[in-house]
Amino acid sequence: MAEERLQIPIKVVPGARRDQLAGMLGDRLKIRVAAPPEGGRANQAVCALIARTLNIPQRNVEISAGHTSPEKTLAIRGIDRAEAYQRLGMV
């Protein structure tokens, strides 16, 4: 059986001073990253920040929708929904 993937809607703000979780914006988790939105660098920075925050391998975090949009959906494996929400400050 395939491992369940947690889907989290996010809003990405590239070109910030530093990488950080910036709280909730409606139903989306707002994430600021220093990387520019060129060549997928901001997307890579988002995945790295989420993996570090959740203490899971970066390969378990991917963008499943919105690759070229600020509004994206993350797919995350290897962590319980309640624990992920708590670590991301979504509760």
PDB file of N, CA and C in Angstrom:
ATOM      1  N   MET A   1       0.834  -1.178   0.000  1.00  0.00           N
ATOM      2  CA  MET A   1       0.000   0.000   0.000  1.00  0.00           C
ATOM      3  C   MET A   1       0.886   1.252   0.000  1.00  0.00           C
ATOM      4  N   ALA A   2       0.510   2.243  -0.788  1.00  0.00           N
ATOM      5  CA  ALA A   2       1.298   3.470  -0.890  1.00  0.00           C
ATOM      6  C   ALA A   2       1.152   4.302   0.380  1.00  0.00           C
ATOM      7  N   GLU A   3       2.225   4.976   0.725  1.00  0.00           N
ATOM      8  CA  GLU A   3       2.219   5.838   1.900  1.00  0.00           C
ATOM      9  C   GLU A   3       1.362   7.074   1.628  1.00  0.00           C
ATOM     10  N   GLU A   4       0.552   7.455   2.601  1.00  0.00           N
ATOM     11  CA  GLU A   4      -0.316   8.615   2.449  1.00  0.00           C
ATOM     12  C   GLU A   4       0.507   9.897   2.380  1.00  0.00           C
ATOM     13  N   ARG A   5       0.096  10.783   1.480  1.00  0.00           N
ATOM     14  CA  ARG A   5       0.769  12.069   1.346  1.00  0.00           C
ATOM     15  C   ARG A   5      -0.119  13.155   1.934  1.00  0.00           C
ATOM     16  N   LEU A   6       0.456  13.957   2.777  1.00  0.00           N
ATOM     17  CA  LEU A   6      -0.234  15.084   3.387  1.00  0.00           C
ATOM     18  C   LEU A   6      -0.179  16.249   2.407  1.00  0.00           C
ATOM     19  N   GLN A   7      -1.316  16.833   2.074  1.00  0.00           N
ATOM     20  CA  GLN A   7      -1.381  17.963   1.146  1.00  0.00           C
ATOM     21  C   GLN A   7      -1.547  19.254   1.947  1.00  0.00           C
ATOM     22  N   ILE A   8      -0.648  20.209   1.747  1.00  0.00           N
ATOM     23  CA  ILE A   8      -0.704  21.478   2.473  1.00  0.00           C
ATOM     24  C   ILE A   8      -0.678  22.636   1.476  1.00  0.00           C
ATOM     25  N   PRO A   9      -1.717  23.479   1.481  1.00  0.00           N
ATOM     26  CA  PRO A   9      -1.715  24.655   0.607  1.00  0.00           C
ATOM     27  C   PRO A   9      -0.798  25.733   1.183  1.00  0.00           C
ATOM     28  N   ILE A  10       0.008  26.332   0.313  1.00  0.00           N
ATOM     29  CA  ILE A  10       0.958  27.354   0.762  1.00  0.00           C
ATOM     30  C   ILE A  10       0.918  28.571  -0.155  1.00  0.00           C
ATOM     31  N   LYS A  11       1.423  29.671   0.353  1.00  0.00           N
ATOM     32  CA  LYS A  11       1.639  30.903  -0.424  1.00  0.00           C
ATOM     33  C   LYS A  11       3.108  31.252  -0.241  1.00  0.00           C
ATOM     34  N   VAL A  12       3.848  31.332  -1.340  1.00  0.00           N
ATOM     35  CA  VAL A  12       5.291  31.568  -1.286  1.00  0.00           C
ATOM     36  C   VAL A  12       5.610  33.016  -1.654  1.00  0.00           C
ATOM     37  N   VAL A  13       6.478  33.627  -0.842  1.00  0.00           N
ATOM     38  CA  VAL A  13       6.974  34.975  -1.115  1.00  0.00           C
ATOM     39  C   VAL A  13       8.480  34.853  -1.346  1.00  0.00           C
ATOM     40  N   PRO A  14       8.921  34.833  -2.620  1.00  0.00           N
ATOM     41  CA  PRO A  14      10.354  34.731  -2.909  1.00  0.00           C
ATOM     42  C   PRO A  14      11.051  36.074  -2.738  1.00  0.00           C
ATOM     43  N   GLY A  15      12.380  36.033  -2.656  1.00  0.00           N
ATOM     44  CA  GLY A  15      13.170  37.257  -2.559  1.00  0.00           C
ATOM     45  C   GLY A  15      13.116  37.917  -1.190  1.00  0.00           C
ATOM     46  N   ALA A  16      12.758  37.165  -0.160  1.00  0.00           N
ATOM     47  CA  ALA A  16      12.705  37.708   1.205  1.00  0.00           C
ATOM     48  C   ALA A  16      14.119  37.830   1.769  1.00  0.00           C
ATOM     49  N   ARG A  17      14.241  38.468   2.920  1.00  0.00           N
ATOM     50  CA  ARG A  17      15.556  38.596   3.549  1.00  0.00           C
ATOM     51  C   ARG A  17      16.078  37.262   4.059  1.00  0.00           C
ATOM     52  N   ARG A  18      15.160  36.412   4.522  1.00  0.00           N
ATOM     53  CA  ARG A  18      15.578  35.093   5.022  1.00  0.00           C
ATOM     54  C   ARG A  18      14.441  34.104   4.840  1.00  0.00           C
ATOM     55  N   ASP A  19      14.778  32.828   4.913  1.00  0.00           N
ATOM     56  CA  ASP A  19      13.773  31.772   4.819  1.00  0.00           C
ATOM     57  C   ASP A  19      13.042  31.669   6.149  1.00  0.00           C
ATOM     58  N   GLN A  20      11.703  31.692   6.090  1.00  0.00           N
ATOM     59  CA  GLN A  20      10.941  31.560   7.324  1.00  0.00           C
ATOM     60  C   GLN A  20       9.483  31.225   7.046  1.00  0.00           C
ATOM     61  N   LEU A  21       8.865  30.567   8.017  1.00  0.00           N
ATOM     62  CA  LEU A  21       7.426  30.366   8.009  1.00  0.00           C
ATOM     63  C   LEU A  21       6.820  31.659   8.530  1.00  0.00           C
ATOM     64  N   ALA A  22       5.803  32.178   7.845  1.00  0.00           N
ATOM     65  CA  ALA A  22       5.256  33.491   8.195  1.00  0.00           C
ATOM     66  C   ALA A  22       3.803  33.416   8.639  1.00  0.00           C
ATOM     67  N   GLY A  23       3.380  32.273   9.171  1.00  0.00           N
ATOM     68  CA  GLY A  23       2.021  32.146   9.691  1.00  0.00           C
ATOM     69  C   GLY A  23       1.015  31.785   8.617  1.00  0.00           C
ATOM     70  N   MET A  24      -0.240  31.889   8.990  1.00  0.00           N
ATOM     71  CA  MET A  24      -1.319  31.516   8.086  1.00  0.00           C
ATOM     72  C   MET A  24      -1.838  32.748   7.348  1.00  0.00           C
ATOM     73  N   LEU A  25      -2.204  32.550   6.098  1.00  0.00           N
ATOM     74  CA  LEU A  25      -2.830  33.570   5.269  1.00  0.00           C
ATOM     75  C   LEU A  25      -4.093  32.920   4.725  1.00  0.00           C
ATOM     76  N   GLY A  26      -5.202  33.138   5.396  1.00  0.00           N
ATOM     77  CA  GLY A  26      -6.422  32.413   5.054  1.00  0.00           C
ATOM     78  C   GLY A  26      -6.221  30.947   5.383  1.00  0.00           C
ATOM     79  N   ASP A  27      -6.417  30.082   4.390  1.00  0.00           N
ATOM     80  CA  ASP A  27      -6.225  28.641   4.603  1.00  0.00           C
ATOM     81  C   ASP A  27      -4.844  28.173   4.156  1.00  0.00           C
ATOM     82  N   ARG A  28      -3.964  29.097   3.803  1.00  0.00           N
ATOM     83  CA  ARG A  28      -2.632  28.740   3.310  1.00  0.00           C
ATOM     84  C   ARG A  28      -1.548  29.111   4.315  1.00  0.00           C
ATOM     85  N   LEU A  29      -0.511  28.285   4.357  1.00  0.00           N
ATOM     86  CA  LEU A  29       0.674  28.578   5.152  1.00  0.00           C
ATOM     87  C   LEU A  29       1.551  29.515   4.327  1.00  0.00           C
ATOM     88  N   LYS A  30       1.886  30.673   4.869  1.00  0.00           N
ATOM     89  CA  LYS A  30       2.722  31.639   4.152  1.00  0.00           C
ATOM     90  C   LYS A  30       4.184  31.336   4.444  1.00  0.00           C
ATOM     91  N   ILE A  31       4.977  31.246   3.381  1.00  0.00           N
ATOM     92  CA  ILE A  31       6.393  30.912   3.499  1.00  0.00           C
ATOM     93  C   ILE A  31       7.205  31.954   2.740  1.00  0.00           C
ATOM     94  N   ARG A  32       8.174  32.546   3.435  1.00  0.00           N
ATOM     95  CA  ARG A  32       9.089  33.496   2.795  1.00  0.00           C
ATOM     96  C   ARG A  32      10.415  32.790   2.555  1.00  0.00           C
ATOM     97  N   VAL A  33      10.962  32.963   1.349  1.00  0.00           N
ATOM     98  CA  VAL A  33      12.275  32.388   1.041  1.00  0.00           C
ATOM     99  C   VAL A  33      13.146  33.455   0.389  1.00  0.00           C
ATOM    100  N   ALA A  34      14.437  33.387   0.656  1.00  0.00           N
ATOM    101  CA  ALA A  34      15.384  34.355   0.104  1.00  0.00           C
ATOM    102  C   ALA A  34      15.643  34.116  -1.382  1.00  0.00           C
ATOM    103  N   ALA A  35      15.489  32.896  -1.834  1.00  0.00           N
ATOM    104  CA  ALA A  35      15.782  32.547  -3.224  1.00  0.00           C
ATOM    105  C   ALA A  35      14.832  33.267  -4.183  1.00  0.00           C
ATOM    106  N   PRO A  36      15.339  33.611  -5.371  1.00  0.00           N
ATOM    107  CA  PRO A  36      14.482  34.247  -6.375  1.00  0.00           C
ATOM    108  C   PRO A  36      13.597  33.205  -7.065  1.00  0.00           C
ATOM    109  N   PRO A  37      12.507  33.668  -7.682  1.00  0.00           N
ATOM    110  CA  PRO A  37      11.606  32.738  -8.367  1.00  0.00           C
ATOM    111  C   PRO A  37      12.087  32.409  -9.778  1.00  0.00           C
ATOM    112  N   GLU A  38      13.336  32.008  -9.895  1.00  0.00           N
ATOM    113  CA  GLU A  38      13.927  31.713 -11.203  1.00  0.00           C
ATOM    114  C   GLU A  38      14.551  30.333 -11.172  1.00  0.00           C
ATOM    115  N   GLY A  39      14.298  29.563 -12.193  1.00  0.00           N
ATOM    116  CA  GLY A  39      14.923  28.250 -12.316  1.00  0.00           C
ATOM    117  C   GLY A  39      14.542  27.271 -11.218  1.00  0.00           C
ATOM    118  N   GLY A  40      13.405  27.487 -10.591  1.00  0.00           N
ATOM    119  CA  GLY A  40      12.956  26.569  -9.549  1.00  0.00           C
ATOM    120  C   GLY A  40      13.666  26.734  -8.217  1.00  0.00           C
ATOM    121  N   ARG A  41      14.477  27.794  -8.087  1.00  0.00           N
ATOM    122  CA  ARG A  41      15.256  27.956  -6.848  1.00  0.00           C
ATOM    123  C   ARG A  41      14.371  28.245  -5.637  1.00  0.00           C
ATOM    124  N   ALA A  42      13.325  29.048  -5.813  1.00  0.00           N
ATOM    125  CA  ALA A  42      12.421  29.319  -4.686  1.00  0.00           C
ATOM    126  C   ALA A  42      11.697  28.036  -4.275  1.00  0.00           C
ATOM    127  N   ASN A  43      11.284  27.236  -5.250  1.00  0.00           N
ATOM    128  CA  ASN A  43      10.616  25.967  -4.936  1.00  0.00           C
ATOM    129  C   ASN A  43      11.543  25.045  -4.149  1.00  0.00           C
ATOM    130  N   GLN A  44      12.803  24.970  -4.559  1.00  0.00           N
ATOM    131  CA  GLN A  44      13.772  24.137  -3.835  1.00  0.00           C
ATOM    132  C   GLN A  44      13.973  24.646  -2.415  1.00  0.00           C
ATOM    133  N   ALA A  45      14.010  25.968  -2.248  1.00  0.00           N
ATOM    134  CA  ALA A  45      14.183  26.549  -0.917  1.00  0.00           C
ATOM    135  C   ALA A  45      12.985  26.242  -0.020  1.00  0.00           C
ATOM    136  N   VAL A  46      11.786  26.275  -0.591  1.00  0.00           N
ATOM    137  CA  VAL A  46      10.576  25.937   0.174  1.00  0.00           C
ATOM    138  C   VAL A  46      10.657  24.495   0.662  1.00  0.00           C
ATOM    139  N   CYS A  47      10.986  23.577  -0.233  1.00  0.00           N
ATOM    140  CA  CYS A  47      11.064  22.159   0.144  1.00  0.00           C
ATOM    141  C   CYS A  47      12.129  21.934   1.214  1.00  0.00           C
ATOM    142  N   ALA A  48      13.263  22.605   1.088  1.00  0.00           N
ATOM    143  CA  ALA A  48      14.335  22.460   2.079  1.00  0.00           C
ATOM    144  C   ALA A  48      13.902  22.999   3.437  1.00  0.00           C
ATOM    145  N   LEU A  49      13.250  24.154   3.463  1.00  0.00           N
ATOM    146  CA  LEU A  49      12.793  24.746   4.722  1.00  0.00           C
ATOM    147  C   LEU A  49      11.760  23.853   5.405  1.00  0.00           C
ATOM    148  N   ILE A  50      10.819  23.340   4.639  1.00  0.00           N
ATOM    149  CA  ILE A  50       9.781  22.476   5.219  1.00  0.00           C
ATOM    150  C   ILE A  50      10.404  21.193   5.751  1.00  0.00           C
ATOM    151  N   ALA A  51      11.327  20.602   5.002  1.00  0.00           N
ATOM    152  CA  ALA A  51      11.984  19.368   5.454  1.00  0.00           C
ATOM    153  C   ALA A  51      12.748  19.603   6.756  1.00  0.00           C
ATOM    154  N   ARG A  52      13.481  20.720   6.839  1.00  0.00           N
ATOM    155  CA  ARG A  52      14.211  21.047   8.080  1.00  0.00           C
ATOM    156  C   ARG A  52      13.251  21.248   9.247  1.00  0.00           C
ATOM    157  N   THR A  53      12.182  21.982   9.007  1.00  0.00           N
ATOM    158  CA  THR A  53      11.213  22.282  10.061  1.00  0.00           C
ATOM    159  C   THR A  53      10.548  21.009  10.577  1.00  0.00           C
ATOM    160  N   LEU A  54      10.243  20.087   9.667  1.00  0.00           N
ATOM    161  CA  LEU A  54       9.560  18.847  10.050  1.00  0.00           C
ATOM    162  C   LEU A  54      10.529  17.739  10.440  1.00  0.00           C
ATOM    163  N   ASN A  55      11.831  17.984  10.244  1.00  0.00           N
ATOM    164  CA  ASN A  55      12.860  16.985  10.554  1.00  0.00           C
ATOM    165  C   ASN A  55      12.633  15.683   9.777  1.00  0.00           C
ATOM    166  N   ILE A  56      12.398  15.848   8.471  1.00  0.00           N
ATOM    167  CA  ILE A  56      12.227  14.707   7.570  1.00  0.00           C
ATOM    168  C   ILE A  56      13.155  14.915   6.375  1.00  0.00           C
ATOM    169  N   PRO A  57      13.464  13.849   5.628  1.00  0.00           N
ATOM    170  CA  PRO A  57      14.320  14.007   4.447  1.00  0.00           C
ATOM    171  C   PRO A  57      13.661  14.917   3.404  1.00  0.00           C
ATOM    172  N   GLN A  58      14.471  15.711   2.726  1.00  0.00           N
ATOM    173  CA  GLN A  58      13.935  16.623   1.714  1.00  0.00           C
ATOM    174  C   GLN A  58      13.230  15.869   0.589  1.00  0.00           C
ATOM    175  N   ARG A  59      13.630  14.635   0.335  1.00  0.00           N
ATOM    176  CA  ARG A  59      12.973  13.852  -0.721  1.00  0.00           C
ATOM    177  C   ARG A  59      11.512  13.543  -0.381  1.00  0.00           C
ATOM    178  N   ASN A  60      11.117  13.734   0.886  1.00  0.00           N
ATOM    179  CA  ASN A  60       9.733  13.490   1.305  1.00  0.00           C
ATOM    180  C   ASN A  60       8.841  14.717   1.131  1.00  0.00           C
ATOM    181  N   VAL A  61       9.408  15.809   0.624  1.00  0.00           N
ATOM    182  CA  VAL A  61       8.645  17.045   0.421  1.00  0.00           C
ATOM    183  C   VAL A  61       8.722  17.411  -1.056  1.00  0.00           C
ATOM    184  N   GLU A  62       7.558  17.611  -1.672  1.00  0.00           N
ATOM    185  CA  GLU A  62       7.552  18.033  -3.078  1.00  0.00           C
ATOM    186  C   GLU A  62       6.385  18.973  -3.331  1.00  0.00           C
ATOM    187  N   ILE A  63       6.522  19.768  -4.364  1.00  0.00           N
ATOM    188  CA  ILE A  63       5.433  20.647  -4.775  1.00  0.00           C
ATOM    189  C   ILE A  63       4.579  19.852  -5.749  1.00  0.00           C
ATOM    190  N   SER A  64       3.309  19.659  -5.385  1.00  0.00           N
ATOM    191  CA  SER A  64       2.434  18.836  -6.214  1.00  0.00           C
ATOM    192  C   SER A  64       1.561  19.670  -7.144  1.00  0.00           C
ATOM    193  N   ALA A  65       1.435  20.967  -6.879  1.00  0.00           N
ATOM    194  CA  ALA A  65       0.646  21.848  -7.751  1.00  0.00           C
ATOM    195  C   ALA A  65       1.146  23.278  -7.592  1.00  0.00           C
ATOM    196  N   GLY A  66       1.083  24.048  -8.681  1.00  0.00           N
ATOM    197  CA  GLY A  66       1.444  25.459  -8.633  1.00  0.00           C
ATOM    198  C   GLY A  66       2.916  25.741  -8.788  1.00  0.00           C
ATOM    199  N   HIS A  67       3.617  24.958  -9.584  1.00  0.00           N
ATOM    200  CA  HIS A  67       5.068  25.103  -9.727  1.00  0.00           C
ATOM    201  C   HIS A  67       5.505  26.514 -10.120  1.00  0.00           C
ATOM    202  N   THR A  68       4.703  27.219 -10.920  1.00  0.00           N
ATOM    203  CA  THR A  68       5.087  28.553 -11.377  1.00  0.00           C
ATOM    204  C   THR A  68       4.220  29.654 -10.772  1.00  0.00           C
ATOM    205  N   SER A  69       3.451  29.323  -9.768  1.00  0.00           N
ATOM    206  CA  SER A  69       2.553  30.272  -9.114  1.00  0.00           C
ATOM    207  C   SER A  69       2.976  30.483  -7.664  1.00  0.00           C
ATOM    208  N   PRO A  70       2.676  31.638  -7.079  1.00  0.00           N
ATOM    209  CA  PRO A  70       2.969  31.814  -5.651  1.00  0.00           C
ATOM    210  C   PRO A  70       2.098  30.915  -4.770  1.00  0.00           C
ATOM    211  N   GLU A  71       0.915  30.564  -5.250  1.00  0.00           N
ATOM    212  CA  GLU A  71       0.029  29.670  -4.505  1.00  0.00           C
ATOM    213  C   GLU A  71       0.291  28.247  -4.971  1.00  0.00           C
ATOM    214  N   LYS A  72       0.762  27.428  -4.051  1.00  0.00           N
ATOM    215  CA  LYS A  72       1.196  26.070  -4.370  1.00  0.00           C
ATOM    216  C   LYS A  72       0.552  25.079  -3.412  1.00  0.00           C
ATOM    217  N   THR A  73       0.713  23.805  -3.725  1.00  0.00           N
ATOM    218  CA  THR A  73       0.320  22.742  -2.807  1.00  0.00           C
ATOM    219  C   THR A  73       1.531  21.856  -2.589  1.00  0.00           C
ATOM    220  N   LEU A  74       1.867  21.634  -1.310  1.00  0.00           N
ATOM    221  CA  LEU A  74       2.954  20.728  -0.950  1.00  0.00           C
ATOM    222  C   LEU A  74       2.402  19.341  -0.707  1.00  0.00           C
ATOM    223  N   ALA A  75       3.139  18.331  -1.116  1.00  0.00           N
ATOM    224  CA  ALA A  75       2.840  16.939  -0.779  1.00  0.00           C
ATOM    225  C   ALA A  75       3.974  16.460   0.122  1.00  0.00           C
ATOM    226  N   ILE A  76       3.608  15.996   1.312  1.00  0.00           N
ATOM    227  CA  ILE A  76       4.600  15.614   2.320  1.00  0.00           C
ATOM    228  C   ILE A  76       4.348  14.185   2.765  1.00  0.00           C
ATOM    229  N   ARG A  77       5.421  13.386   2.819  1.00  0.00           N
ATOM    230  CA  ARG A  77       5.341  11.993   3.285  1.00  0.00           C
ATOM    231  C   ARG A  77       6.194  11.840   4.534  1.00  0.00           C
ATOM    232  N   GLY A  78       5.850  10.837   5.332  1.00  0.00           N
ATOM    233  CA  GLY A  78       6.720  10.461   6.437  1.00  0.00           C
ATOM    234  C   GLY A  78       6.473  11.183   7.742  1.00  0.00           C
ATOM    235  N   ILE A  79       5.316  11.833   7.880  1.00  0.00           N
ATOM    236  CA  ILE A  79       4.995  12.513   9.137  1.00  0.00           C
ATOM    237  C   ILE A  79       3.480  12.531   9.314  1.00  0.00           C
ATOM    238  N   ASP A  80       3.053  12.410  10.546  1.00  0.00           N
ATOM    239  CA  ASP A  80       1.643  12.443  10.913  1.00  0.00           C
ATOM    240  C   ASP A  80       1.083  13.861  10.725  1.00  0.00           C
ATOM    241  N   ARG A  81      -0.161  13.955  10.274  1.00  0.00           N
ATOM    242  CA  ARG A  81      -0.801  15.252  10.012  1.00  0.00           C
ATOM    243  C   ARG A  81      -0.762  16.165  11.240  1.00  0.00           C
ATOM    244  N   ALA A  82      -1.158  15.658  12.407  1.00  0.00           N
ATOM    245  CA  ALA A  82      -1.210  16.487  13.619  1.00  0.00           C
ATOM    246  C   ALA A  82       0.178  17.009  13.985  1.00  0.00           C
ATOM    247  N   GLU A  83       1.182  16.147  13.881  1.00  0.00           N
ATOM    248  CA  GLU A  83       2.554  16.561  14.206  1.00  0.00           C
ATOM    249  C   GLU A  83       3.052  17.611  13.212  1.00  0.00           C
ATOM    250  N   ALA A  84       2.769  17.400  11.922  1.00  0.00           N
ATOM    251  CA  ALA A  84       3.188  18.361  10.897  1.00  0.00           C
ATOM    252  C   ALA A  84       2.535  19.716  11.142  1.00  0.00           C
ATOM    253  N   TYR A  85       1.235  19.731  11.382  1.00  0.00           N
ATOM    254  CA  TYR A  85       0.529  20.989  11.619  1.00  0.00           C
ATOM    255  C   TYR A  85       1.094  21.712  12.835  1.00  0.00           C
ATOM    256  N   GLN A  86       1.409  20.952  13.884  1.00  0.00           N
ATOM    257  CA  GLN A  86       1.948  21.560  15.102  1.00  0.00           C
ATOM    258  C   GLN A  86       3.328  22.169  14.837  1.00  0.00           C
ATOM    259  N   ARG A  87       4.205  21.430  14.162  1.00  0.00           N
ATOM    260  CA  ARG A  87       5.559  21.932  13.874  1.00  0.00           C
ATOM    261  C   ARG A  87       5.548  23.127  12.926  1.00  0.00           C
ATOM    262  N   LEU A  88       4.556  23.164  12.028  1.00  0.00           N
ATOM    263  CA  LEU A  88       4.465  24.259  11.065  1.00  0.00           C
ATOM    264  C   LEU A  88       3.686  25.457  11.613  1.00  0.00           C
ATOM    265  N   GLY A  89       3.152  25.327  12.819  1.00  0.00           N
ATOM    266  CA  GLY A  89       2.398  26.425  13.419  1.00  0.00           C
ATOM    267  C   GLY A  89       1.030  26.628  12.806  1.00  0.00           C
ATOM    268  N   MET A  90       0.428  25.540  12.322  1.00  0.00           N
ATOM    269  CA  MET A  90      -0.872  25.626  11.660  1.00  0.00           C
ATOM    270  C   MET A  90      -2.031  25.287  12.595  1.00  0.00           C
ATOM    271  N   VAL A  91      -1.759  25.129  13.889  1.00  0.00           N
ATOM    272  CA  VAL A  91      -2.827  24.782  14.844  1.00  0.00           C
ATOM    273  C   VAL A  91      -3.146  25.952  15.743  1.00  0.00           C
TER     274      VAL A  91
END
